[in-house]
PDB file of all heavy atoms in Angstrom:
ATOM      1  N   THR A   1      30.840  11.121  57.211  1.00  0.00           N
ATOM      2  CA  THR A   1      31.697  11.462  58.354  1.00  0.00           C
ATOM      3  C   THR A   1      33.144  11.684  57.955  1.00  0.00           C
ATOM      4  O   THR A   1      33.892  12.354  58.674  1.00  0.00           O
ATOM      5  CB  THR A   1      31.638  10.360  59.429  1.00  0.00           C
ATOM      6  OG1 THR A   1      32.181   9.139  58.902  1.00  0.00           O
ATOM      7  CG2 THR A   1      30.206  10.124  59.886  1.00  0.00           C
ATOM      8  N   ASN A   2      33.576  11.116  56.816  1.00  0.00           N
ATOM      9  CA  ASN A   2      34.986  11.249  56.437  1.00  0.00           C
ATOM     10  C   ASN A   2      35.223  11.392  54.931  1.00  0.00           C
ATOM     11  O   ASN A   2      36.359  11.555  54.495  1.00  0.00           O
ATOM     12  CB  ASN A   2      35.787  10.055  56.962  1.00  0.00           C
ATOM     13  CG  ASN A   2      35.198   8.717  56.537  1.00  0.00           C
ATOM     14  OD1 ASN A   2      34.568   8.615  55.487  1.00  0.00           O
ATOM     15  ND2 ASN A   2      35.393   7.696  57.364  1.00  0.00           N
ATOM     16  N   GLY A   3      34.166  11.313  54.132  1.00  0.00           N
ATOM     17  CA  GLY A   3      34.318  11.465  52.688  1.00  0.00           C
ATOM     18  C   GLY A   3      34.752  10.219  51.961  1.00  0.00           C
ATOM     19  O   GLY A   3      34.931  10.249  50.736  1.00  0.00           O
ATOM     20  N   ASN A   4      34.936   9.110  52.671  1.00  0.00           N
ATOM     21  CA  ASN A   4      35.366   7.882  52.015  1.00  0.00           C
ATOM     22  C   ASN A   4      34.306   7.355  51.057  1.00  0.00           C
ATOM     23  O   ASN A   4      33.105   7.418  51.325  1.00  0.00           O
ATOM     24  CB  ASN A   4      35.665   6.796  53.062  1.00  0.00           C
ATOM     25  CG  ASN A   4      36.949   7.058  53.812  1.00  0.00           C
ATOM     26  OD1 ASN A   4      37.762   7.889  53.406  1.00  0.00           O
ATOM     27  ND2 ASN A   4      37.141   6.361  54.921  1.00  0.00           N
ATOM     28  N   ARG A   5      34.780   6.811  49.935  1.00  0.00           N
ATOM     29  CA  ARG A   5      33.904   6.173  48.965  1.00  0.00           C
ATOM     30  C   ARG A   5      33.762   4.698  49.319  1.00  0.00           C
ATOM     31  O   ARG A   5      34.767   4.016  49.503  1.00  0.00           O
ATOM     32  CB  ARG A   5      34.479   6.287  47.561  1.00  0.00           C
ATOM     33  CG  ARG A   5      34.179   7.588  46.834  1.00  0.00           C
ATOM     34  CD  ARG A   5      34.821   8.799  47.419  1.00  0.00           C
ATOM     35  NE  ARG A   5      34.764   9.899  46.443  1.00  0.00           N
ATOM     36  CZ  ARG A   5      34.641  11.159  46.765  1.00  0.00           C
ATOM     37  NH1 ARG A   5      34.551  11.515  48.033  1.00  0.00           N
ATOM     38  NH2 ARG A   5      34.603  12.085  45.815  1.00  0.00           N
ATOM     39  N   VAL A   6      32.543   4.220  49.400  1.00  0.00           N
ATOM     40  CA  VAL A   6      32.312   2.829  49.794  1.00  0.00           C
ATOM     41  C   VAL A   6      31.307   2.190  48.844  1.00  0.00           C
ATOM     42  O   VAL A   6      30.240   2.748  48.599  1.00  0.00           O
ATOM     43  CB  VAL A   6      31.794   2.725  51.244  1.00  0.00           C
ATOM     44  CG1 VAL A   6      31.653   1.265  51.667  1.00  0.00           C
ATOM     45  CG2 VAL A   6      32.712   3.464  52.209  1.00  0.00           C
ATOM     46  N   ILE A   7      31.659   1.017  48.312  1.00  0.00           N
ATOM     47  CA  ILE A   7      30.754   0.266  47.444  1.00  0.00           C
ATOM     48  C   ILE A   7      30.139  -0.885  48.235  1.00  0.00           C
ATOM     49  O   ILE A   7      30.835  -1.621  48.931  1.00  0.00           O
ATOM     50  CB  ILE A   7      31.497  -0.328  46.230  1.00  0.00           C
ATOM     51  CG1 ILE A   7      32.043   0.784  45.344  1.00  0.00           C
ATOM     52  CG2 ILE A   7      30.553  -1.217  45.410  1.00  0.00           C
ATOM     53  CD1 ILE A   7      32.852   0.269  44.176  1.00  0.00           C
ATOM     54  N   PHE A   8      28.831  -1.034  48.105  1.00  0.00           N
ATOM     55  CA  PHE A   8      28.129  -2.179  48.680  1.00  0.00           C
ATOM     56  C   PHE A   8      27.643  -3.058  47.530  1.00  0.00           C
ATOM     57  O   PHE A   8      26.913  -2.589  46.657  1.00  0.00           O
ATOM     58  CB  PHE A   8      26.918  -1.724  49.498  1.00  0.00           C
ATOM     59  CG  PHE A   8      27.251  -0.975  50.759  1.00  0.00           C
ATOM     60  CD1 PHE A   8      27.547   0.381  50.713  1.00  0.00           C
ATOM     61  CD2 PHE A   8      27.275  -1.628  51.985  1.00  0.00           C
ATOM     62  CE1 PHE A   8      27.856   1.084  51.873  1.00  0.00           C
ATOM     63  CE2 PHE A   8      27.578  -0.931  53.151  1.00  0.00           C
ATOM     64  CZ  PHE A   8      27.867   0.423  53.096  1.00  0.00           C
ATOM     65  N   ASN A   9      28.066  -4.318  47.513  1.00  0.00           N
ATOM     66  CA  ASN A   9      27.472  -5.219  46.533  1.00  0.00           C
ATOM     67  C   ASN A   9      26.119  -5.694  47.065  1.00  0.00           C
ATOM     68  O   ASN A   9      25.715  -5.342  48.176  1.00  0.00           O
ATOM     69  CB  ASN A   9      28.408  -6.390  46.197  1.00  0.00           C
ATOM     70  CG  ASN A   9      28.710  -7.267  47.401  1.00  0.00           C
ATOM     71  OD1 ASN A   9      27.874  -7.457  48.286  1.00  0.00           O
ATOM     72  ND2 ASN A   9      29.916  -7.830  47.434  1.00  0.00           N
ATOM     73  N   ASN A  10      25.419  -6.479  46.291  1.00  0.00           N
ATOM     74  CA  ASN A  10      24.064  -6.885  46.674  1.00  0.00           C
ATOM     75  C   ASN A  10      24.044  -7.580  48.033  1.00  0.00           C
ATOM     76  O   ASN A  10      23.199  -7.278  48.886  1.00  0.00           O
ATOM     77  CB  ASN A  10      23.475  -7.791  45.591  1.00  0.00           C
ATOM     78  CG  ASN A  10      22.017  -8.113  45.838  1.00  0.00           C
ATOM     79  OD1 ASN A  10      21.672  -8.880  46.730  1.00  0.00           O
ATOM     80  ND2 ASN A  10      21.147  -7.530  45.037  1.00  0.00           N
ATOM     81  N   LYS A  11      24.977  -8.470  48.256  1.00  0.00           N
ATOM     82  CA  LYS A  11      25.023  -9.206  49.518  1.00  0.00           C
ATOM     83  C   LYS A  11      25.313  -8.280  50.690  1.00  0.00           C
ATOM     84  O   LYS A  11      24.754  -8.439  51.784  1.00  0.00           O
ATOM     85  CB  LYS A  11      26.080 -10.309  49.433  1.00  0.00           C
ATOM     86  CG  LYS A  11      26.123 -11.221  50.652  1.00  0.00           C
ATOM     87  CD  LYS A  11      27.150 -12.335  50.461  1.00  0.00           C
ATOM     88  CE  LYS A  11      27.208 -13.246  51.687  1.00  0.00           C
ATOM     89  NZ  LYS A  11      28.222 -14.328  51.508  1.00  0.00           N
ATOM     90  N   ASP A  12      26.203  -7.312  50.483  1.00  0.00           N
ATOM     91  CA  ASP A  12      26.549  -6.351  51.541  1.00  0.00           C
ATOM     92  C   ASP A  12      25.338  -5.564  52.032  1.00  0.00           C
ATOM     93  O   ASP A  12      25.305  -5.105  53.172  1.00  0.00           O
ATOM     94  CB  ASP A  12      27.587  -5.338  51.042  1.00  0.00           C
ATOM     95  CG  ASP A  12      28.938  -5.969  50.741  1.00  0.00           C
ATOM     96  OD1 ASP A  12      29.259  -6.989  51.373  1.00  0.00           O
ATOM     97  OD2 ASP A  12      29.654  -5.443  49.875  1.00  0.00           O
ATOM     98  N   CYS A  13      24.353  -5.386  51.155  1.00  0.00           N
ATOM     99  CA  CYS A  13      23.197  -4.544  51.481  1.00  0.00           C
ATOM    100  C   CYS A  13      22.240  -5.200  52.472  1.00  0.00           C
ATOM    101  O   CYS A  13      21.385  -4.524  53.047  1.00  0.00           O
ATOM    102  CB  CYS A  13      22.437  -4.175  50.209  1.00  0.00           C
ATOM    103  SG  CYS A  13      23.371  -3.098  49.081  1.00  0.00           S
ATOM    104  N   HIS A  14      22.367  -6.518  52.671  1.00  0.00           N
ATOM    105  CA  HIS A  14      21.509  -7.249  53.616  1.00  0.00           C
ATOM    106  C   HIS A  14      20.032  -6.934  53.385  1.00  0.00           C
ATOM    107  O   HIS A  14      19.299  -6.570  54.310  1.00  0.00           O
ATOM    108  CB  HIS A  14      21.902  -6.929  55.062  1.00  0.00           C
ATOM    109  CG  HIS A  14      23.273  -7.380  55.444  1.00  0.00           C
ATOM    110  ND1 HIS A  14      23.572  -8.697  55.704  1.00  0.00           N
ATOM    111  CD2 HIS A  14      24.438  -6.693  55.565  1.00  0.00           C
ATOM    112  CE1 HIS A  14      24.864  -8.808  56.005  1.00  0.00           C
ATOM    113  NE2 HIS A  14      25.416  -7.602  55.908  1.00  0.00           N
ATOM    114  N   PHE A  15      19.617  -7.103  52.151  1.00  0.00           N
ATOM    115  CA  PHE A  15      18.236  -6.815  51.815  1.00  0.00           C
ATOM    116  C   PHE A  15      17.280  -7.785  52.491  1.00  0.00           C
ATOM    117  O   PHE A  15      17.551  -8.980  52.618  1.00  0.00           O
ATOM    118  CB  PHE A  15      18.028  -6.897  50.299  1.00  0.00           C
ATOM    119  CG  PHE A  15      18.639  -5.764  49.536  1.00  0.00           C
ATOM    120  CD1 PHE A  15      19.602  -6.009  48.559  1.00  0.00           C
ATOM    121  CD2 PHE A  15      18.257  -4.455  49.781  1.00  0.00           C
ATOM    122  CE1 PHE A  15      20.154  -4.963  47.833  1.00  0.00           C
ATOM    123  CE2 PHE A  15      18.814  -3.397  49.072  1.00  0.00           C
ATOM    124  CZ  PHE A  15      19.766  -3.656  48.095  1.00  0.00           C
ATOM    125  N   ALA A  16      16.156  -7.255  52.942  1.00  0.00           N
ATOM    126  CA  ALA A  16      15.070  -8.050  53.482  1.00  0.00           C
ATOM    127  C   ALA A  16      13.772  -7.343  53.105  1.00  0.00           C
ATOM    128  O   ALA A  16      13.796  -6.318  52.431  1.00  0.00           O
ATOM    129  CB  ALA A  16      15.204  -8.191  54.990  1.00  0.00           C
ATOM    130  N   TYR A  17      12.658  -7.875  53.549  1.00  0.00           N
ATOM    131  CA  TYR A  17      11.378  -7.275  53.202  1.00  0.00           C
ATOM    132  C   TYR A  17      11.305  -5.837  53.710  1.00  0.00           C
ATOM    133  O   TYR A  17      11.336  -5.595  54.908  1.00  0.00           O
ATOM    134  CB  TYR A  17      10.227  -8.111  53.778  1.00  0.00           C
ATOM    135  CG  TYR A  17       8.857  -7.522  53.551  1.00  0.00           C
ATOM    136  CD1 TYR A  17       8.389  -7.305  52.260  1.00  0.00           C
ATOM    137  CD2 TYR A  17       8.038  -7.183  54.619  1.00  0.00           C
ATOM    138  CE1 TYR A  17       7.131  -6.758  52.044  1.00  0.00           C
ATOM    139  CE2 TYR A  17       6.780  -6.644  54.414  1.00  0.00           C
ATOM    140  CZ  TYR A  17       6.329  -6.432  53.117  1.00  0.00           C
ATOM    141  OH  TYR A  17       5.090  -5.885  52.914  1.00  0.00           O
ATOM    142  N   ARG A  18      11.266  -4.889  52.796  1.00  0.00           N
ATOM    143  CA  ARG A  18      11.220  -3.445  53.064  1.00  0.00           C
ATOM    144  C   ARG A  18      12.335  -3.016  54.022  1.00  0.00           C
ATOM    145  O   ARG A  18      12.148  -2.156  54.879  1.00  0.00           O
ATOM    146  CB  ARG A  18       9.857  -3.039  53.627  1.00  0.00           C
ATOM    147  CG  ARG A  18       8.685  -3.345  52.734  1.00  0.00           C
ATOM    148  CD  ARG A  18       8.783  -2.622  51.386  1.00  0.00           C
ATOM    149  NE  ARG A  18       7.667  -3.005  50.533  1.00  0.00           N
ATOM    150  CZ  ARG A  18       7.691  -4.024  49.679  1.00  0.00           C
ATOM    151  NH1 ARG A  18       8.804  -4.738  49.535  1.00  0.00           N
ATOM    152  NH2 ARG A  18       6.650  -4.303  48.942  1.00  0.00           N
ATOM    153  N   ASP A  19      13.499  -3.605  53.825  1.00  0.00           N
ATOM    154  CA  ASP A  19      14.600  -3.327  54.745  1.00  0.00           C
ATOM    155  C   ASP A  19      15.933  -3.508  54.032  1.00  0.00           C
ATOM    156  O   ASP A  19      16.044  -4.222  53.030  1.00  0.00           O
ATOM    157  CB  ASP A  19      14.517  -4.283  55.943  1.00  0.00           C
ATOM    158  CG  ASP A  19      15.403  -3.847  57.094  1.00  0.00           C
ATOM    159  OD1 ASP A  19      15.742  -2.648  57.172  1.00  0.00           O
ATOM    160  OD2 ASP A  19      15.754  -4.706  57.936  1.00  0.00           O
ATOM    161  N   SER A  20      16.948  -2.839  54.570  1.00  0.00           N
ATOM    162  CA  SER A  20      18.320  -2.971  54.084  1.00  0.00           C
ATOM    163  C   SER A  20      19.261  -2.463  55.157  1.00  0.00           C
ATOM    164  O   SER A  20      18.830  -1.894  56.175  1.00  0.00           O
ATOM    165  CB  SER A  20      18.524  -2.162  52.794  1.00  0.00           C
ATOM    166  OG  SER A  20      18.595  -0.775  53.102  1.00  0.00           O
ATOM    167  N   ILE A  21      20.541  -2.638  54.913  1.00  0.00           N
ATOM    168  CA  ILE A  21      21.558  -2.167  55.856  1.00  0.00           C
ATOM    169  C   ILE A  21      21.510  -0.651  56.016  1.00  0.00           C
ATOM    170  O   ILE A  21      21.876  -0.108  57.063  1.00  0.00           O
ATOM    171  CB  ILE A  21      22.962  -2.627  55.401  1.00  0.00           C
ATOM    172  CG1 ILE A  21      23.980  -2.480  56.541  1.00  0.00           C
ATOM    173  CG2 ILE A  21      23.409  -1.893  54.148  1.00  0.00           C
ATOM    174  CD1 ILE A  21      25.329  -3.104  56.226  1.00  0.00           C
ATOM    175  N   PHE A  22      21.010   0.041  55.011  1.00  0.00           N
ATOM    176  CA  PHE A  22      21.004   1.504  55.033  1.00  0.00           C
ATOM    177  C   PHE A  22      19.943   2.088  55.966  1.00  0.00           C
ATOM    178  O   PHE A  22      19.964   3.282  56.264  1.00  0.00           O
ATOM    179  CB  PHE A  22      20.806   2.048  53.614  1.00  0.00           C
ATOM    180  CG  PHE A  22      21.826   1.540  52.638  1.00  0.00           C
ATOM    181  CD1 PHE A  22      21.473   0.632  51.651  1.00  0.00           C
ATOM    182  CD2 PHE A  22      23.150   1.938  52.728  1.00  0.00           C
ATOM    183  CE1 PHE A  22      22.417   0.144  50.756  1.00  0.00           C
ATOM    184  CE2 PHE A  22      24.108   1.458  51.843  1.00  0.00           C
ATOM    185  CZ  PHE A  22      23.735   0.560  50.855  1.00  0.00           C
ATOM    186  N   LYS A  23      19.002   1.261  56.424  1.00  0.00           N
ATOM    187  CA  LYS A  23      17.982   1.747  57.352  1.00  0.00           C
ATOM    188  C   LYS A  23      18.456   1.721  58.796  1.00  0.00           C
ATOM    189  O   LYS A  23      17.817   2.312  59.663  1.00  0.00           O
ATOM    190  CB  LYS A  23      16.702   0.914  57.216  1.00  0.00           C
ATOM    191  CG  LYS A  23      15.946   1.165  55.932  1.00  0.00           C
ATOM    192  CD  LYS A  23      14.642   0.410  55.886  1.00  0.00           C
ATOM    193  CE  LYS A  23      13.593   1.023  56.778  1.00  0.00           C
ATOM    194  NZ  LYS A  23      12.269   0.398  56.602  1.00  0.00           N
ATOM    195  N   ARG A  24      19.567   1.032  59.049  1.00  0.00           N
ATOM    196  CA  ARG A  24      20.073   0.943  60.412  1.00  0.00           C
ATOM    197  C   ARG A  24      20.719   2.263  60.817  1.00  0.00           C
ATOM    198  O   ARG A  24      21.391   2.907  60.016  1.00  0.00           O
ATOM    199  CB  ARG A  24      21.077  -0.212  60.519  1.00  0.00           C
ATOM    200  CG  ARG A  24      20.440  -1.555  60.192  1.00  0.00           C
ATOM    201  CD  ARG A  24      21.454  -2.678  60.144  1.00  0.00           C
ATOM    202  NE  ARG A  24      20.844  -3.888  59.610  1.00  0.00           N
ATOM    203  CZ  ARG A  24      21.520  -4.988  59.309  1.00  0.00           C
ATOM    204  NH1 ARG A  24      22.843  -5.022  59.487  1.00  0.00           N
ATOM    205  NH2 ARG A  24      20.894  -6.051  58.834  1.00  0.00           N
ATOM    206  N   GLU A  25      20.525   2.629  62.049  1.00  0.00           N
ATOM    207  CA  GLU A  25      20.942   3.939  62.526  1.00  0.00           C
ATOM    208  C   GLU A  25      22.419   4.207  62.278  1.00  0.00           C
ATOM    209  O   GLU A  25      22.808   5.291  61.839  1.00  0.00           O
ATOM    210  CB  GLU A  25      20.638   4.066  64.019  1.00  0.00           C
ATOM    211  CG  GLU A  25      20.660   5.484  64.541  1.00  0.00           C
ATOM    212  CD  GLU A  25      19.620   6.381  63.885  1.00  0.00           C
ATOM    213  OE1 GLU A  25      18.494   5.904  63.628  1.00  0.00           O
ATOM    214  OE2 GLU A  25      19.944   7.546  63.614  1.00  0.00           O
ATOM    215  N   GLU A  26      23.257   3.191  62.516  1.00  0.00           N
ATOM    216  CA  GLU A  26      24.705   3.396  62.380  1.00  0.00           C
ATOM    217  C   GLU A  26      25.136   3.530  60.919  1.00  0.00           C
ATOM    218  O   GLU A  26      26.255   3.960  60.631  1.00  0.00           O
ATOM    219  CB  GLU A  26      25.470   2.244  63.037  1.00  0.00           C
ATOM    220  CG  GLU A  26      25.301   0.880  62.377  1.00  0.00           C
ATOM    221  CD  GLU A  26      24.106   0.088  62.886  1.00  0.00           C
ATOM    222  OE1 GLU A  26      23.207   0.701  63.484  1.00  0.00           O
ATOM    223  OE2 GLU A  26      24.083  -1.142  62.693  1.00  0.00           O
ATOM    224  N   ASN A  27      24.254   3.156  59.992  1.00  0.00           N
ATOM    225  CA  ASN A  27      24.610   3.235  58.577  1.00  0.00           C
ATOM    226  C   ASN A  27      23.923   4.380  57.840  1.00  0.00           C
ATOM    227  O   ASN A  27      24.021   4.489  56.618  1.00  0.00           O
ATOM    228  CB  ASN A  27      24.271   1.910  57.889  1.00  0.00           C
ATOM    229  CG  ASN A  27      25.152   0.775  58.377  1.00  0.00           C
ATOM    230  OD1 ASN A  27      26.346   0.958  58.569  1.00  0.00           O
ATOM    231  ND2 ASN A  27      24.560  -0.377  58.615  1.00  0.00           N
ATOM    232  N   LYS A  28      23.239   5.240  58.572  1.00  0.00           N
ATOM    233  CA  LYS A  28      22.590   6.382  57.943  1.00  0.00           C
ATOM    234  C   LYS A  28      23.601   7.464  57.565  1.00  0.00           C
ATOM    235  O   LYS A  28      23.230   8.504  57.048  1.00  0.00           O
ATOM    236  CB  LYS A  28      21.495   6.929  58.852  1.00  0.00           C
ATOM    237  CG  LYS A  28      20.314   5.971  58.979  1.00  0.00           C
ATOM    238  CD  LYS A  28      19.211   6.531  59.853  1.00  0.00           C
ATOM    239  CE  LYS A  28      18.046   5.554  59.929  1.00  0.00           C
ATOM    240  NZ  LYS A  28      16.946   6.050  60.786  1.00  0.00           N
ATOM    241  N   LYS A  29      24.864   7.182  57.834  1.00  0.00           N
ATOM    242  CA  LYS A  29      25.939   8.110  57.439  1.00  0.00           C
ATOM    243  C   LYS A  29      26.285   7.971  55.963  1.00  0.00           C
ATOM    244  O   LYS A  29      27.010   8.803  55.412  1.00  0.00           O
ATOM    245  CB  LYS A  29      27.186   7.839  58.271  1.00  0.00           C
ATOM    246  CG  LYS A  29      27.781   6.447  58.065  1.00  0.00           C
ATOM    247  CD  LYS A  29      28.989   6.214  58.953  1.00  0.00           C
ATOM    248  CE  LYS A  29      29.577   4.819  58.743  1.00  0.00           C
ATOM    249  NZ  LYS A  29      30.771   4.596  59.591  1.00  0.00           N
ATOM    250  N   TYR A  30      25.777   6.914  55.317  1.00  0.00           N
ATOM    251  CA  TYR A  30      26.127   6.676  53.922  1.00  0.00           C
ATOM    252  C   TYR A  30      25.176   7.410  52.981  1.00  0.00           C
ATOM    253  O   TYR A  30      23.970   7.169  52.971  1.00  0.00           O
ATOM    254  CB  TYR A  30      26.109   5.183  53.606  1.00  0.00           C
ATOM    255  CG  TYR A  30      27.207   4.412  54.299  1.00  0.00           C
ATOM    256  CD1 TYR A  30      26.908   3.484  55.296  1.00  0.00           C
ATOM    257  CD2 TYR A  30      28.541   4.623  53.972  1.00  0.00           C
ATOM    258  CE1 TYR A  30      27.914   2.791  55.954  1.00  0.00           C
ATOM    259  CE2 TYR A  30      29.554   3.933  54.616  1.00  0.00           C
ATOM    260  CZ  TYR A  30      29.231   3.018  55.606  1.00  0.00           C
ATOM    261  OH  TYR A  30      30.231   2.336  56.241  1.00  0.00           O
ATOM    262  N   PHE A  31      25.750   8.309  52.203  1.00  0.00           N
ATOM    263  CA  PHE A  31      25.005   9.045  51.189  1.00  0.00           C
ATOM    264  C   PHE A  31      25.071   8.246  49.892  1.00  0.00           C
ATOM    265  O   PHE A  31      26.157   8.036  49.340  1.00  0.00           O
ATOM    266  CB  PHE A  31      25.624  10.434  50.995  1.00  0.00           C
ATOM    267  CG  PHE A  31      24.934  11.301  49.985  1.00  0.00           C
ATOM    268  CD1 PHE A  31      23.971  12.216  50.383  1.00  0.00           C
ATOM    269  CD2 PHE A  31      25.254  11.211  48.636  1.00  0.00           C
ATOM    270  CE1 PHE A  31      23.347  13.039  49.451  1.00  0.00           C
ATOM    271  CE2 PHE A  31      24.629  12.013  47.701  1.00  0.00           C
ATOM    272  CZ  PHE A  31      23.666  12.934  48.106  1.00  0.00           C
ATOM    273  N   ILE A  32      23.931   7.779  49.412  1.00  0.00           N
ATOM    274  CA  ILE A  32      23.919   6.978  48.192  1.00  0.00           C
ATOM    275  C   ILE A  32      24.086   7.880  46.980  1.00  0.00           C
ATOM    276  O   ILE A  32      23.330   8.827  46.777  1.00  0.00           O
ATOM    277  CB  ILE A  32      22.622   6.154  48.092  1.00  0.00           C
ATOM    278  CG1 ILE A  32      22.592   5.109  49.227  1.00  0.00           C
ATOM    279  CG2 ILE A  32      22.513   5.473  46.727  1.00  0.00           C
ATOM    280  CD1 ILE A  32      21.328   4.286  49.276  1.00  0.00           C
ATOM    281  N   VAL A  33      25.117   7.585  46.207  1.00  0.00           N
ATOM    282  CA  VAL A  33      25.480   8.391  45.043  1.00  0.00           C
ATOM    283  C   VAL A  33      24.867   7.822  43.766  1.00  0.00           C
ATOM    284  O   VAL A  33      24.268   8.534  42.970  1.00  0.00           O
ATOM    285  CB  VAL A  33      27.012   8.459  44.895  1.00  0.00           C
ATOM    286  CG1 VAL A  33      27.403   9.115  43.586  1.00  0.00           C
ATOM    287  CG2 VAL A  33      27.625   9.199  46.075  1.00  0.00           C
ATOM    288  N   ALA A  34      25.009   6.524  43.574  1.00  0.00           N
ATOM    289  CA  ALA A  34      24.524   5.882  42.353  1.00  0.00           C
ATOM    290  C   ALA A  34      24.287   4.405  42.617  1.00  0.00           C
ATOM    291  O   ALA A  34      24.778   3.844  43.606  1.00  0.00           O
ATOM    292  CB  ALA A  34      25.522   6.063  41.214  1.00  0.00           C
ATOM    293  N   ILE A  35      23.542   3.786  41.720  1.00  0.00           N
ATOM    294  CA  ILE A  35      23.205   2.374  41.847  1.00  0.00           C
ATOM    295  C   ILE A  35      23.386   1.701  40.492  1.00  0.00           C
ATOM    296  O   ILE A  35      22.986   2.250  39.466  1.00  0.00           O
ATOM    297  CB  ILE A  35      21.749   2.189  42.319  1.00  0.00           C
ATOM    298  CG1 ILE A  35      21.526   2.910  43.654  1.00  0.00           C
ATOM    299  CG2 ILE A  35      21.402   0.711  42.465  1.00  0.00           C
ATOM    300  CD1 ILE A  35      20.083   3.164  43.967  1.00  0.00           C
ATOM    301  N   ASP A  36      23.993   0.528  40.504  1.00  0.00           N
ATOM    302  CA  ASP A  36      24.069  -0.303  39.311  1.00  0.00           C
ATOM    303  C   ASP A  36      22.921  -1.305  39.333  1.00  0.00           C
ATOM    304  O   ASP A  36      22.804  -2.104  40.272  1.00  0.00           O
ATOM    305  CB  ASP A  36      25.388  -1.077  39.268  1.00  0.00           C
ATOM    306  CG  ASP A  36      26.541  -0.228  38.763  1.00  0.00           C
ATOM    307  OD1 ASP A  36      26.299   0.920  38.354  1.00  0.00           O
ATOM    308  OD2 ASP A  36      27.692  -0.716  38.809  1.00  0.00           O
ATOM    309  N   PHE A  37      22.091  -1.272  38.311  1.00  0.00           N
ATOM    310  CA  PHE A  37      20.992  -2.216  38.167  1.00  0.00           C
ATOM    311  C   PHE A  37      21.351  -3.231  37.085  1.00  0.00           C
ATOM    312  O   PHE A  37      21.786  -2.856  35.997  1.00  0.00           O
ATOM    313  CB  PHE A  37      19.702  -1.504  37.772  1.00  0.00           C
ATOM    314  CG  PHE A  37      19.169  -0.579  38.825  1.00  0.00           C
ATOM    315  CD1 PHE A  37      19.573   0.747  38.861  1.00  0.00           C
ATOM    316  CD2 PHE A  37      18.269  -1.035  39.780  1.00  0.00           C
ATOM    317  CE1 PHE A  37      19.081   1.610  39.837  1.00  0.00           C
ATOM    318  CE2 PHE A  37      17.780  -0.182  40.755  1.00  0.00           C
ATOM    319  CZ  PHE A  37      18.183   1.141  40.792  1.00  0.00           C
ATOM    320  N   LYS A  38      21.173  -4.486  37.391  1.00  0.00           N
ATOM    321  CA  LYS A  38      21.432  -5.552  36.433  1.00  0.00           C
ATOM    322  C   LYS A  38      20.097  -5.980  35.833  1.00  0.00           C
ATOM    323  O   LYS A  38      19.288  -6.643  36.484  1.00  0.00           O
ATOM    324  CB  LYS A  38      22.122  -6.731  37.123  1.00  0.00           C
ATOM    325  CG  LYS A  38      22.723  -7.746  36.162  1.00  0.00           C
ATOM    326  CD  LYS A  38      23.529  -8.786  36.932  1.00  0.00           C
ATOM    327  CE  LYS A  38      24.184  -9.776  35.979  1.00  0.00           C
ATOM    328  NZ  LYS A  38      24.986 -10.790  36.717  1.00  0.00           N
ATOM    329  N   LEU A  39      19.859  -5.578  34.588  1.00  0.00           N
ATOM    330  CA  LEU A  39      18.574  -5.803  33.944  1.00  0.00           C
ATOM    331  C   LEU A  39      18.715  -6.782  32.781  1.00  0.00           C
ATOM    332  O   LEU A  39      19.763  -6.871  32.150  1.00  0.00           O
ATOM    333  CB  LEU A  39      17.996  -4.475  33.453  1.00  0.00           C
ATOM    334  CG  LEU A  39      17.820  -3.392  34.534  1.00  0.00           C
ATOM    335  CD1 LEU A  39      17.254  -2.123  33.927  1.00  0.00           C
ATOM    336  CD2 LEU A  39      16.936  -3.889  35.674  1.00  0.00           C
ATOM    337  N   ARG A  40      17.640  -7.474  32.501  1.00  0.00           N
ATOM    338  CA  ARG A  40      17.663  -8.527  31.486  1.00  0.00           C
ATOM    339  C   ARG A  40      17.263  -7.981  30.111  1.00  0.00           C
ATOM    340  O   ARG A  40      16.397  -7.121  29.996  1.00  0.00           O
ATOM    341  CB  ARG A  40      16.710  -9.658  31.871  1.00  0.00           C
ATOM    342  CG  ARG A  40      17.012 -10.293  33.203  1.00  0.00           C
ATOM    343  CD  ARG A  40      16.111 -11.503  33.459  1.00  0.00           C
ATOM    344  NE  ARG A  40      14.695 -11.161  33.415  1.00  0.00           N
ATOM    345  CZ  ARG A  40      14.010 -10.681  34.442  1.00  0.00           C
ATOM    346  NH1 ARG A  40      14.611 -10.476  35.600  1.00  0.00           N
ATOM    347  NH2 ARG A  40      12.724 -10.405  34.318  1.00  0.00           N
ATOM    348  N   LYS A  41      17.914  -8.513  29.089  1.00  0.00           N
ATOM    349  CA  LYS A  41      17.528  -8.157  27.722  1.00  0.00           C
ATOM    350  C   LYS A  41      16.234  -8.865  27.324  1.00  0.00           C
ATOM    351  O   LYS A  41      15.466  -8.367  26.512  1.00  0.00           O
ATOM    352  CB  LYS A  41      18.634  -8.536  26.745  1.00  0.00           C
ATOM    353  CG  LYS A  41      19.941  -7.807  26.967  1.00  0.00           C
ATOM    354  CD  LYS A  41      20.962  -8.296  25.951  1.00  0.00           C
ATOM    355  CE  LYS A  41      22.310  -7.660  26.183  1.00  0.00           C
ATOM    356  NZ  LYS A  41      23.322  -8.155  25.224  1.00  0.00           N
ATOM    357  N   GLU A  42      16.030 -10.042  27.889  1.00  0.00           N
ATOM    358  CA  GLU A  42      14.791 -10.785  27.699  1.00  0.00           C
ATOM    359  C   GLU A  42      14.391 -11.351  29.050  1.00  0.00           C
ATOM    360  O   GLU A  42      15.242 -11.587  29.908  1.00  0.00           O
ATOM    361  CB  GLU A  42      14.971 -11.925  26.689  1.00  0.00           C
ATOM    362  CG  GLU A  42      15.332 -11.463  25.295  1.00  0.00           C
ATOM    363  CD  GLU A  42      15.521 -12.622  24.337  1.00  0.00           C
ATOM    364  OE1 GLU A  42      15.427 -13.782  24.798  1.00  0.00           O
ATOM    365  OE2 GLU A  42      15.768 -12.368  23.147  1.00  0.00           O
ATOM    366  N   GLY A  43      13.123 -11.559  29.250  1.00  0.00           N
ATOM    367  CA  GLY A  43      12.737 -12.076  30.562  1.00  0.00           C
ATOM    368  C   GLY A  43      11.305 -12.555  30.607  1.00  0.00           C
ATOM    369  O   GLY A  43      10.488 -12.238  29.735  1.00  0.00           O
ATOM    370  N   LYS A  44      11.011 -13.299  31.661  1.00  0.00           N
ATOM    371  CA  LYS A  44       9.663 -13.772  31.902  1.00  0.00           C
ATOM    372  C   LYS A  44       8.935 -12.734  32.731  1.00  0.00           C
ATOM    373  O   LYS A  44       9.406 -12.294  33.773  1.00  0.00           O
ATOM    374  CB  LYS A  44       9.701 -15.118  32.636  1.00  0.00           C
ATOM    375  CG  LYS A  44       8.326 -15.735  32.849  1.00  0.00           C
ATOM    376  CD  LYS A  44       8.443 -17.088  33.531  1.00  0.00           C
ATOM    377  CE  LYS A  44       7.059 -17.700  33.737  1.00  0.00           C
ATOM    378  NZ  LYS A  44       7.152 -19.021  34.426  1.00  0.00           N
TER     379      LYS A  44
END
C-alpha cells in the first residue's frame, strides 16, 4: 500500500499450527521478499 519495508521477527509472525500473521486479511498487504532461516551445523 505504501512501499514501506517491514521486518517481522519470529515472534512478530505469531506462528501457530498452519497459521501466521500473514494469513490475516489485514496483513495480506505484505509482500514477502526474503526469509532468514536459522539452521544448525549439527543437530538431532
